[in-house]
Amino acid sequence: MGQIQLDNMEGPKEIRDWPLSTICWYAVFVWFGASLFSQSLYMAFNGEPYNANIILESAGPFAWLIITIEVLVWGIVVLFFGRKVVNRFQSSTPEIALSENVSPQS
């Protein structure tokens, strides 16, 4: 998935693309941040938070589709996060070596 770039000083160097998980996390952070910003801007102009009933009424027949998509996205986020947490606790090797096990370097 990487590309080769020629560098005059160091020779060929491989450029790696971002992993899909990193891109997905950035997308979740941007989505969450945009939602917070939108809500705060709406509250600044109107003095109250969004009215969910009015938003759903304005979406019309697509309201349930939008709700379904949002629930699916949050479900995927929970699954990925849960998988990371489970993998962290099931890992048998510690990530940080204990000081007793570290051999001195000469």
Protein backbone atom coordinates (compact mmCIF):
# COMPACT_ATOMS: atom_id res chain seq x y z
CA MET A 1 0.00 0.00 0.00
CA GLY A 2 3.05 2.23 0.27
CA GLN A 3 4.60 4.28 -2.46
CA ILE A 4 8.28 4.65 -3.20
CA GLN A 5 9.67 8.18 -3.19
CA LEU A 6 13.19 8.99 -4.28
CA ASP A 7 15.07 11.22 -1.90
CA ASN A 8 18.33 12.71 -3.17
CA MET A 9 20.02 12.53 0.22
CA GLU A 10 18.87 9.17 1.57
CA GLY A 11 17.94 7.09 -1.47
CA PRO A 12 14.56 5.40 -1.98
CA LYS A 13 12.17 5.79 0.93
CA GLU A 14 8.77 4.13 1.37
CA ILE A 15 5.81 6.36 2.20
CA ARG A 16 3.15 4.55 4.21
CA ASP A 17 -0.54 5.39 4.06
CA TRP A 18 -2.54 5.85 7.23
CA PRO A 19 -4.19 2.69 8.53
CA LEU A 20 -7.94 2.46 8.10
CA SER A 21 -8.48 2.41 11.87
CA THR A 22 -6.73 5.78 12.22
CA ILE A 23 -8.86 7.29 9.48
CA CYS A 24 -12.01 5.91 11.12
CA TRP A 25 -11.07 7.35 14.52
CA TYR A 26 -10.40 10.76 12.94
CA ALA A 27 -13.80 10.56 11.23
CA VAL A 28 -15.51 9.82 14.57
CA PHE A 29 -13.68 12.71 16.28
CA VAL A 30 -14.56 15.13 13.48
CA TRP A 31 -18.19 13.99 13.51
CA PHE A 32 -18.43 14.35 17.29
CA GLY A 33 -16.70 17.74 17.25
CA ALA A 34 -18.93 19.01 14.46
CA SER A 35 -21.99 17.89 16.41
CA LEU A 36 -20.83 19.74 19.53
CA PHE A 37 -19.97 22.85 17.54
CA SER A 38 -23.32 22.78 15.75
CA GLN A 39 -25.23 22.40 19.01
CA SER A 40 -23.31 25.22 20.70
CA LEU A 41 -23.82 27.53 17.71
CA TYR A 42 -27.55 26.77 17.68
CA MET A 43 -27.75 27.45 21.42
CA ALA A 44 -25.87 30.74 20.98
CA PHE A 45 -28.44 32.00 18.47
CA ASN A 46 -31.63 30.48 19.90
CA GLY A 47 -30.89 30.18 23.63
CA GLU A 48 -32.00 26.53 23.81
CA PRO A 49 -30.70 23.20 22.49
CA TYR A 50 -32.01 21.42 19.41
CA ASN A 51 -35.59 20.22 19.58
CA ALA A 52 -35.36 16.59 18.51
CA ASN A 53 -39.04 16.35 17.56
CA ILE A 54 -38.80 19.27 15.13
CA ILE A 55 -35.65 17.85 13.56
CA LEU A 56 -37.29 14.45 13.06
CA GLU A 57 -40.43 16.04 11.63
CA SER A 58 -38.37 18.07 9.15
CA ALA A 59 -36.54 14.90 8.01
CA GLY A 60 -39.90 13.40 7.06
CA PRO A 61 -39.84 9.82 5.83
CA PHE A 62 -36.04 9.72 6.00
CA ALA A 63 -36.01 10.19 9.77
CA TRP A 64 -35.93 6.47 10.53
CA LEU A 65 -33.22 5.92 7.94
CA ILE A 66 -31.09 8.65 9.55
CA ILE A 67 -31.70 7.21 13.02
CA THR A 68 -30.78 3.72 11.82
CA ILE A 69 -27.55 4.92 10.23
CA GLU A 70 -26.56 6.80 13.38
CA VAL A 71 -27.29 3.82 15.62
CA LEU A 72 -25.24 1.58 13.30
CA VAL A 73 -22.30 4.00 13.33
CA TRP A 74 -22.33 4.24 17.13
CA GLY A 75 -22.65 0.45 17.34
CA ILE A 76 -19.55 0.04 15.15
CA VAL A 77 -17.64 2.54 17.32
CA VAL A 78 -18.62 0.62 20.46
CA LEU A 79 -17.58 -2.69 18.87
CA PHE A 80 -14.16 -1.37 17.81
CA PHE A 81 -13.56 0.23 21.20
CA GLY A 82 -14.76 -2.90 23.02
CA ARG A 83 -12.51 -5.08 20.90
CA LYS A 84 -9.51 -2.89 21.76
CA VAL A 85 -10.35 -3.06 25.48
CA VAL A 86 -10.80 -6.85 25.41
CA ASN A 87 -7.55 -7.32 23.47
CA ARG A 88 -5.74 -5.11 25.98
CA PHE A 89 -6.84 -7.24 28.95
CA GLN A 90 -6.33 -10.58 27.19
CA SER A 91 -2.77 -9.75 26.20
CA SER A 92 -0.47 -12.03 28.16
CA THR A 93 2.74 -10.06 27.60
CA PRO A 94 3.19 -6.76 29.41
CA GLU A 95 3.91 -3.78 27.20
CA ILE A 96 6.33 -2.27 29.70
CA ALA A 97 9.17 -4.46 30.91
CA LEU A 98 9.63 -4.72 34.65
CA SER A 99 12.82 -3.18 35.99
CA GLU A 100 14.01 -6.57 37.38
CA ASN A 101 13.89 -8.10 33.92
CA VAL A 102 15.80 -5.38 32.10
CA SER A 103 19.43 -6.32 31.51
CA PRO A 104 22.04 -3.55 31.71
CA GLN A 105 23.54 -2.41 28.47
CA SER A 106 27.24 -1.92 28.13
